[in-house]
Amino acid sequence: MNDDLLAKARQYAKQADLSIRAAALLRIARAESVKDISSARRSLMDGLALLDELPKRGSDHLHDEAREVAAAVDPRMLDQTPSETPHHGFPERTVQIMVEHGHIDPAVNYLLACDAPDSFPFLYLGNVLHKLDPMNAADAGRRVAILRKAFEMWRADIFNSDRDRRHFLYIFGRAWKELPPQEALAMVHAIVDEALQEPDYGISAGYPDGVHFSSLRQNSIFQVLHILMHLDPPRARALIDSHDQLAAAVHRYPNGRETIEQEAAAEAERLKAAGSTRDRGGYVLTGSRKDFPRQLRLMEAIRSGEFDFPFEDATEEYREDTSAASPNFAPKAFWPSTGAFRSVAYQAGKRLGIDAIPLLERIEDPDLRLFAMIELAAAMNGVPPPSVRWMRRPRPNPYKYRRRR
């Protein structure tokens, strides 16, 4: 049935205009990436060929999508995708896609080959390390190589964003024992030295039981204090004695982050042994606040299997995109309504399987139905969810878009 859907999608795409056809082939390639890698490669190559026929200006969004599809289908094909300079977040998204699609070796190689400190994908270091077994000799060596690379990039990043610092310190704080002790000691000294030398400024960082930091410097040191306690106890003691917030944190958590993680693990085991059924569920909402009700209705549909309201929401988006008073001049493949129908169709396919197919008839626009059909097939094939870009242009020529994930 999935193959039938994608075959229909190909037929519909042949009748569409060039930009719709190119986007459809790229998305078909992604939908095929789990079940039929040969077809996925062919679809991607066909989509890339169509991209060459599109005007360069205004098609950057499709170039970005082509690179993301290459990362999903076959990372070796990244070299064959358009050579325009990717946006700052592309390395992170590339690693995320590779891991989601099981391309672990390429993800490792991509990390190790990345030489741009300001765009190094610190955010997804943990995702890659999680896939490498520290008890396996080959994987253990690659884990160490990744840690060394991350440290090198962290030191070389003169901008060193708070987010990158936070993710690097978190990973290093968990995996430092995999390094030779003297190497780990040199790294932790470098981290502490930078924290002490850089200007301090106010933050608000909290930990359980009322432990709070208002100093970025002291919070950064706390992230690695447990390492110093093992490798350089005198310096750890001196730092505690000279920093009031560190001292307060250590009073509650004697071994720093190690104590926090040990207590969290013990609590999880206690709940498991007690057979706790405590509901830890909840929703994480992103994007514009005005979209929260729609997101909640989609989440409820995923739970209940009733997708009437999400389809109505997507239809309302379509009315906005096609409004005579203020039409959307963005490429149709990236309309908000296109993204909404893609997301709803994907979740319906994942929840209902083939029973979701009749829902496609609710989409009156054939191009939007085409894109939704592809996502439904992708869900039924077990492909990870799409990264949905959406664009709204009140005039014919601005080339900016927003991204919703």
Protein backbone atom coordinates (compact mmCIF):
# COMPACT_ATOMS: atom_id res chain seq x y z
CA MET A 1 0.00 0.00 0.00
CA ASN A 2 2.88 2.38 0.78
CA ASP A 3 4.37 1.69 -2.65
CA ASP A 4 0.99 2.43 -4.24
CA LEU A 5 0.83 5.79 -2.46
CA LEU A 6 4.31 6.76 -3.62
CA ALA A 7 3.56 5.56 -7.16
CA LYS A 8 0.47 7.80 -7.17
CA ALA A 9 2.55 10.64 -5.80
CA ARG A 10 5.01 10.25 -8.68
CA GLN A 11 2.17 10.38 -11.19
CA TYR A 12 0.68 13.49 -9.62
CA ALA A 13 4.11 15.12 -9.49
CA LYS A 14 4.56 14.68 -13.24
CA GLN A 15 1.56 16.95 -13.80
CA ALA A 16 2.71 19.64 -11.36
CA ASP A 17 4.87 22.65 -12.10
CA LEU A 18 8.64 22.44 -11.83
CA SER A 19 9.13 23.62 -8.24
CA ILE A 20 6.35 21.36 -6.93
CA ARG A 21 7.79 18.42 -8.86
CA ALA A 22 11.30 19.03 -7.50
CA ALA A 23 10.06 19.29 -3.91
CA ALA A 24 7.89 16.18 -4.34
CA LEU A 25 10.79 14.08 -5.62
CA LEU A 26 13.01 15.15 -2.74
CA ARG A 27 10.28 14.24 -0.26
CA ILE A 28 9.56 10.95 -2.02
CA ALA A 29 13.27 10.11 -1.68
CA ARG A 30 13.03 10.68 2.06
CA ALA A 31 9.88 8.54 2.25
CA GLU A 32 11.70 5.70 0.47
CA SER A 33 14.88 5.96 2.54
CA VAL A 34 14.00 3.20 5.01
CA LYS A 35 12.42 0.56 2.75
CA ASP A 36 14.03 1.05 -0.69
CA ILE A 37 17.36 2.82 -0.62
CA SER A 38 18.02 2.32 -4.36
CA SER A 39 14.75 4.02 -5.30
CA ALA A 40 15.47 6.73 -2.74
CA ARG A 41 18.82 7.49 -4.37
CA ARG A 42 17.20 7.65 -7.81
CA SER A 43 14.44 9.95 -6.57
CA LEU A 44 17.01 12.22 -4.94
CA MET A 45 19.08 12.39 -8.11
CA ASP A 46 15.96 13.18 -10.16
CA GLY A 47 15.06 15.92 -7.70
CA LEU A 48 18.57 17.37 -7.87
CA ALA A 49 18.38 17.41 -11.66
CA LEU A 50 15.18 19.45 -11.47
CA LEU A 51 16.81 21.84 -9.00
CA ASP A 52 19.35 22.69 -11.68
CA GLU A 53 16.48 23.92 -13.86
CA LEU A 54 15.12 26.28 -11.21
CA PRO A 55 16.36 29.87 -10.93
CA LYS A 56 19.02 30.16 -8.25
CA ARG A 57 17.44 33.13 -6.53
CA GLY A 58 14.64 32.11 -4.23
CA SER A 59 15.32 28.36 -4.34
CA ASP A 60 17.71 28.24 -1.38
CA HIS A 61 15.03 26.56 0.69
CA LEU A 62 14.93 23.64 -1.76
CA HIS A 63 18.73 23.45 -1.79
CA ASP A 64 18.67 23.15 2.01
CA GLU A 65 16.02 20.45 1.82
CA ALA A 66 18.04 18.55 -0.79
CA ARG A 67 21.03 18.44 1.53
CA GLU A 68 18.87 17.24 4.40
CA VAL A 69 17.38 14.49 2.21
CA ALA A 70 20.89 13.45 1.17
CA ALA A 71 21.83 13.13 4.85
CA ALA A 72 18.80 10.86 5.32
CA VAL A 73 19.15 8.77 2.17
CA ASP A 74 22.91 8.40 1.75
CA PRO A 75 25.32 10.88 3.38
CA ARG A 76 27.85 10.17 0.64
CA MET A 77 25.51 12.09 -1.65
CA LEU A 78 26.00 15.30 0.31
CA ASP A 79 28.84 16.12 -2.06
CA GLN A 80 26.40 15.95 -4.98
CA THR A 81 23.91 18.38 -3.51
CA PRO A 82 24.00 22.12 -4.36
CA SER A 83 27.23 23.73 -3.23
CA GLU A 84 25.73 26.96 -1.85
CA THR A 85 27.09 27.77 1.60
CA PRO A 86 24.67 26.14 4.08
CA HIS A 87 23.15 28.15 6.90
CA HIS A 88 24.73 28.19 10.36
CA GLY A 89 22.52 25.44 11.79
CA PHE A 90 23.05 23.00 8.94
CA PRO A 91 25.80 20.89 10.61
CA GLU A 92 23.56 20.28 13.63
CA ARG A 93 20.61 19.32 11.46
CA THR A 94 22.83 17.07 9.33
CA VAL A 95 24.11 15.12 12.33
CA GLN A 96 20.60 14.86 13.77
CA ILE A 97 19.22 13.45 10.50
CA MET A 98 22.07 10.97 10.10
CA VAL A 99 21.55 9.62 13.60
CA GLU A 100 17.76 9.44 13.17
CA HIS A 101 18.23 7.43 9.98
CA GLY A 102 20.85 5.09 11.43
CA HIS A 103 23.87 6.51 9.57
CA ILE A 104 26.13 6.40 12.62
CA ASP A 105 29.49 5.96 10.89
CA PRO A 106 28.88 8.94 8.58
CA ALA A 107 27.72 11.00 11.56
CA VAL A 108 30.98 10.22 13.39
CA ASN A 109 33.05 11.04 10.32
CA TYR A 110 31.12 14.27 9.80
CA LEU A 111 31.82 15.38 13.37
CA LEU A 112 35.50 14.56 13.12
CA ALA A 113 35.85 16.37 9.78
CA CYS A 114 34.06 19.53 10.94
CA ASP A 115 36.61 22.35 11.23
CA ALA A 116 34.28 25.32 11.75
CA PRO A 117 34.21 26.07 15.50
CA ASP A 118 31.35 28.54 15.23
CA SER A 119 29.04 25.93 13.67
CA PHE A 120 30.32 22.73 15.28
CA PRO A 121 27.25 20.63 16.23
CA PHE A 122 27.76 20.53 20.01
CA LEU A 123 24.02 20.04 20.47
CA TYR A 124 24.10 16.54 18.96
CA LEU A 125 27.35 15.21 20.42
CA GLY A 126 25.36 13.22 22.95
CA ASN A 127 23.16 11.70 20.25
CA VAL A 128 26.20 10.31 18.46
CA LEU A 129 28.00 9.15 21.61
CA HIS A 130 24.81 7.37 22.71
CA LYS A 131 25.08 5.16 19.62
CA LEU A 132 28.70 4.17 20.33
CA ASP A 133 29.27 1.41 22.89
CA PRO A 134 32.07 2.38 25.30
CA MET A 135 32.65 -1.34 25.98
CA ASN A 136 33.45 -1.98 22.31
CA ALA A 137 37.11 -1.23 21.55
CA ALA A 138 36.46 0.38 18.16
CA ASP A 139 33.56 2.46 19.45
CA ALA A 140 35.53 3.46 22.55
CA GLY A 141 38.30 4.84 20.35
CA ARG A 142 35.83 6.83 18.31
CA ARG A 143 34.19 8.21 21.44
CA VAL A 144 37.56 9.49 22.64
CA ALA A 145 38.26 11.01 19.22
CA ILE A 146 34.90 12.85 19.33
CA LEU A 147 35.61 14.18 22.83
CA ARG A 148 39.00 15.47 21.70
CA LYS A 149 37.48 17.08 18.62
CA ALA A 150 34.75 18.72 20.69
CA PHE A 151 37.33 20.12 23.11
CA GLU A 152 39.41 21.43 20.20
CA MET A 153 36.36 23.15 18.68
CA TRP A 154 35.26 24.52 22.05
CA ARG A 155 38.66 26.12 22.63
CA ALA A 156 38.80 27.51 19.09
CA ASP A 157 35.31 29.05 19.17
CA ILE A 158 35.98 32.67 20.07
CA PHE A 159 32.25 33.37 20.31
CA ASN A 160 31.55 30.30 22.46
CA SER A 161 27.79 30.70 22.81
CA ASP A 162 26.16 29.89 26.14
CA ARG A 163 24.31 27.02 24.52
CA ASP A 164 27.46 25.47 23.02
CA ARG A 165 29.33 25.91 26.32
CA ARG A 166 26.49 24.26 28.22
CA HIS A 167 26.29 21.25 25.91
CA PHE A 168 30.06 20.75 25.79
CA LEU A 169 30.41 20.92 29.57
CA TYR A 170 27.52 18.49 30.00
CA ILE A 171 29.05 15.91 27.65
CA PHE A 172 32.57 16.33 29.03
CA GLY A 173 31.25 16.10 32.58
CA ARG A 174 29.73 12.69 31.83
CA ALA A 175 32.39 11.15 29.58
CA TRP A 176 35.68 12.47 31.00
CA LYS A 177 36.69 9.10 32.50
CA GLU A 178 37.08 7.70 28.99
CA LEU A 179 40.12 9.94 28.50
CA PRO A 180 43.57 9.30 29.96
CA PRO A 181 43.66 10.98 33.41
CA GLN A 182 46.38 13.48 32.54
CA GLU A 183 44.55 14.51 29.37
CA ALA A 184 41.26 14.92 31.24
CA LEU A 185 43.09 16.96 33.90
CA ALA A 186 44.57 19.29 31.27
CA MET A 187 41.13 19.77 29.75
CA VAL A 188 39.37 20.51 33.03
CA HIS A 189 42.13 22.96 33.99
CA ALA A 190 41.61 24.75 30.66
CA ILE A 191 37.85 24.92 31.27
CA VAL A 192 38.25 26.31 34.78
CA ASP A 193 40.96 28.75 33.71
CA GLU A 194 38.72 30.16 30.99
CA ALA A 195 35.80 30.48 33.41
CA LEU A 196 38.02 32.43 35.81
CA GLN A 197 39.53 34.66 33.13
CA GLU A 198 36.36 35.54 31.22
CA PRO A 199 34.11 38.36 32.48
CA ASP A 200 31.37 37.03 34.73
CA TYR A 201 27.75 37.96 34.23
CA GLY A 202 24.43 37.15 35.76
CA ILE A 203 22.36 34.08 34.95
CA SER A 204 19.66 32.07 36.66
CA ALA A 205 20.49 28.37 36.88
CA GLY A 206 18.70 26.11 39.30
CA TYR A 207 19.20 22.58 40.61
CA PRO A 208 17.01 20.42 42.87
CA ASP A 209 16.54 21.35 46.53
CA GLY A 210 16.94 25.07 46.03
CA VAL A 211 20.52 25.16 44.75
CA HIS A 212 20.79 28.25 42.57
CA PHE A 213 23.51 30.05 40.62
CA SER A 214 23.35 33.68 39.57
CA SER A 215 26.99 33.64 38.40
CA LEU A 216 27.84 32.14 35.01
CA ARG A 217 31.43 31.64 36.15
CA GLN A 218 30.53 29.64 39.25
CA ASN A 219 27.90 27.60 37.42
CA SER A 220 30.42 26.71 34.69
CA ILE A 221 32.93 25.58 37.31
CA PHE A 222 30.23 23.54 39.06
CA GLN A 223 29.65 21.60 35.83
CA VAL A 224 33.18 20.16 36.04
CA LEU A 225 33.91 20.42 39.77
CA HIS A 226 33.43 16.67 40.26
CA ILE A 227 36.24 16.06 37.78
CA LEU A 228 38.59 18.31 39.73
CA MET A 229 37.59 16.51 42.95
CA HIS A 230 38.91 13.29 41.41
CA LEU A 231 41.96 14.62 39.58
CA ASP A 232 43.03 17.75 41.49
CA PRO A 233 41.40 17.82 44.96
CA PRO A 234 43.46 20.78 46.28
CA ARG A 235 42.35 23.04 43.45
CA ALA A 236 38.75 21.89 43.84
CA ARG A 237 38.90 22.78 47.54
CA ALA A 238 40.43 26.18 46.81
CA LEU A 239 37.67 26.99 44.33
CA ILE A 240 34.96 25.98 46.79
CA ASP A 241 36.53 28.10 49.55
CA SER A 242 36.71 31.18 47.33
CA HIS A 243 33.27 31.03 45.66
CA ASP A 244 30.16 31.30 47.80
CA GLN A 245 27.68 29.78 45.35
CA LEU A 246 29.97 26.82 44.71
CA ALA A 247 30.26 26.28 48.46
CA ALA A 248 26.47 26.32 48.87
CA ALA A 249 26.02 23.84 46.02
CA VAL A 250 28.67 21.46 47.38
CA HIS A 251 27.07 21.62 50.82
CA ARG A 252 23.98 20.01 49.27
CA TYR A 253 25.77 17.96 46.58
CA PRO A 254 29.18 16.94 48.02
CA ASN A 255 30.44 15.48 44.74
CA GLY A 256 28.85 18.07 42.47
CA ARG A 257 27.09 16.72 39.39
CA GLU A 258 28.00 13.16 40.34
CA THR A 259 25.83 13.45 43.44
CA ILE A 260 22.94 14.93 41.44
CA GLU A 261 23.05 12.11 38.89
CA GLN A 262 23.45 9.40 41.52
CA GLU A 263 20.43 10.67 43.44
CA ALA A 264 18.37 10.90 40.25
CA ALA A 265 19.27 7.32 39.32
CA ALA A 266 18.45 6.08 42.83
CA GLU A 267 15.06 7.81 42.72
CA ALA A 268 14.29 6.26 39.33
CA GLU A 269 15.14 2.81 40.69
CA ARG A 270 13.00 3.40 43.76
CA LEU A 271 10.01 4.34 41.63
CA LYS A 272 10.58 1.36 39.37
CA ALA A 273 10.79 -1.04 42.32
CA ALA A 274 7.63 0.46 43.80
CA GLY A 275 5.82 -0.03 40.51
CA SER A 276 5.03 3.65 40.30
CA THR A 277 2.48 4.62 37.69
CA ARG A 278 2.93 8.31 38.33
CA ASP A 279 2.06 10.20 35.17
CA ARG A 280 5.12 12.04 33.95
CA GLY A 281 3.56 12.99 30.65
CA GLY A 282 3.23 16.44 29.25
CA TYR A 283 3.51 18.48 26.09
CA VAL A 284 6.34 20.64 24.83
CA LEU A 285 5.07 23.42 22.59
CA THR A 286 7.29 25.42 20.23
CA GLY A 287 6.93 28.31 17.84
CA SER A 288 4.39 31.10 17.94
CA ARG A 289 2.06 31.24 20.93
CA LYS A 290 -0.92 31.60 18.59
CA ASP A 291 -0.12 28.14 17.21
CA PHE A 292 -0.27 26.44 20.62
CA PRO A 293 -3.98 25.52 20.41
CA ARG A 294 -3.38 23.86 17.04
CA GLN A 295 -0.38 21.97 18.36
CA LEU A 296 -2.40 20.76 21.33
CA ARG A 297 -5.22 19.56 19.08
CA LEU A 298 -2.72 17.62 16.96
CA MET A 299 -1.18 16.03 20.06
CA GLU A 300 -4.64 15.06 21.28
CA ALA A 301 -5.38 13.55 17.86
CA ILE A 302 -2.20 11.47 18.05
CA ARG A 303 -3.45 10.13 21.38
CA SER A 304 -7.07 9.55 20.38
CA GLY A 305 -6.80 8.77 16.67
CA GLU A 306 -9.40 11.43 15.82
CA PHE A 307 -7.88 13.86 13.31
CA ASP A 308 -10.91 16.00 12.43
CA PHE A 309 -9.75 19.11 14.27
CA PRO A 310 -6.15 19.05 12.98
CA PHE A 311 -7.41 18.77 9.40
CA GLU A 312 -9.76 21.69 10.03
CA ASP A 313 -6.85 23.71 11.41
CA ALA A 314 -4.74 22.95 8.32
CA THR A 315 -7.67 23.90 6.08
CA GLU A 316 -7.94 27.22 7.89
CA GLU A 317 -4.22 27.79 7.23
CA TYR A 318 -4.91 27.09 3.55
CA ARG A 319 -7.64 29.72 3.50
CA GLU A 320 -5.12 32.23 4.86
CA ASP A 321 -2.52 31.27 2.25
CA THR A 322 -5.03 31.67 -0.59
CA SER A 323 -6.86 34.72 0.72
CA ALA A 324 -7.70 37.14 -2.08
CA ALA A 325 -6.97 40.05 0.24
CA SER A 326 -3.51 38.89 1.34
CA PRO A 327 -2.29 35.87 -0.63
CA ASN A 328 0.93 34.09 0.24
CA PHE A 329 3.55 34.68 -2.47
CA ALA A 330 5.99 32.14 -1.01
CA PRO A 331 6.66 28.91 -2.93
CA LYS A 332 3.66 26.65 -2.46
CA ALA A 333 5.82 23.75 -1.25
CA PHE A 334 6.59 25.86 1.83
CA TRP A 335 3.25 27.44 2.65
CA PRO A 336 2.20 27.14 6.29
CA SER A 337 -0.83 25.15 5.15
CA THR A 338 1.43 22.78 3.22
CA GLY A 339 3.47 22.20 6.35
CA ALA A 340 0.33 21.77 8.44
CA PHE A 341 -1.14 19.14 6.11
CA ARG A 342 2.23 17.35 5.91
CA SER A 343 2.50 17.19 9.71
CA VAL A 344 -1.10 16.04 10.19
CA ALA A 345 -0.85 13.42 7.44
CA TYR A 346 2.39 12.06 8.88
CA GLN A 347 0.92 11.70 12.37
CA ALA A 348 -2.31 10.22 10.99
CA GLY A 349 -0.33 7.67 9.00
CA LYS A 350 1.73 6.77 12.03
CA ARG A 351 -1.35 6.42 14.25
CA LEU A 352 -3.89 4.91 11.84
CA GLY A 353 -1.85 3.26 9.08
CA ILE A 354 -3.83 2.57 5.90
CA ASP A 355 -7.01 3.77 7.61
CA ALA A 356 -5.60 7.29 7.29
CA ILE A 357 -5.65 7.23 3.48
CA PRO A 358 -9.30 8.42 3.11
CA LEU A 359 -8.37 11.53 5.11
CA LEU A 360 -6.39 12.77 2.11
CA GLU A 361 -9.67 13.49 0.31
CA ARG A 362 -10.26 16.34 2.73
CA ILE A 363 -7.42 18.29 1.10
CA GLU A 364 -8.92 20.16 -1.83
CA ASP A 365 -5.69 21.48 -3.33
CA PRO A 366 -4.00 18.74 -5.45
CA ASP A 367 -0.47 19.98 -4.74
CA LEU A 368 -1.00 20.04 -0.98
CA ARG A 369 -2.68 16.63 -1.19
CA LEU A 370 0.41 15.37 -3.03
CA PHE A 371 2.75 16.49 -0.26
CA ALA A 372 0.44 15.07 2.43
CA MET A 373 0.27 11.75 0.58
CA ILE A 374 4.07 11.52 0.60
CA GLU A 375 4.19 12.13 4.36
CA LEU A 376 1.50 9.54 5.02
CA ALA A 377 3.56 6.99 3.08
CA ALA A 378 6.71 8.07 4.92
CA ALA A 379 5.03 7.45 8.27
CA MET A 380 3.82 4.03 7.18
CA ASN A 381 7.36 3.20 6.02
CA GLY A 382 8.73 4.03 9.47
CA VAL A 383 10.64 7.13 8.34
CA PRO A 384 11.38 9.71 11.08
CA PRO A 385 9.13 12.80 11.04
CA PRO A 386 9.85 15.62 8.60
CA SER A 387 11.52 18.92 9.33
CA VAL A 388 8.87 21.35 8.12
CA ARG A 389 9.87 24.74 6.76
CA TRP A 390 7.18 27.30 6.23
CA MET A 391 7.25 30.66 4.52
CA ARG A 392 4.83 33.55 4.42
CA ARG A 393 5.40 36.34 1.91
CA PRO A 394 2.98 39.26 1.72
CA ARG A 395 4.79 40.47 -1.42
CA PRO A 396 6.22 38.62 -4.41
CA ASN A 397 9.96 39.03 -3.77
CA PRO A 398 11.27 38.71 -0.15
CA TYR A 399 13.38 35.57 0.26
CA LYS A 400 13.21 34.90 3.96
CA TYR A 401 11.54 31.95 5.60
CA ARG A 402 10.81 30.71 9.07
CA ARG A 403 11.31 27.15 10.14
CA ARG A 404 9.06 25.00 12.27
CA ARG A 405 10.31 21.67 13.55
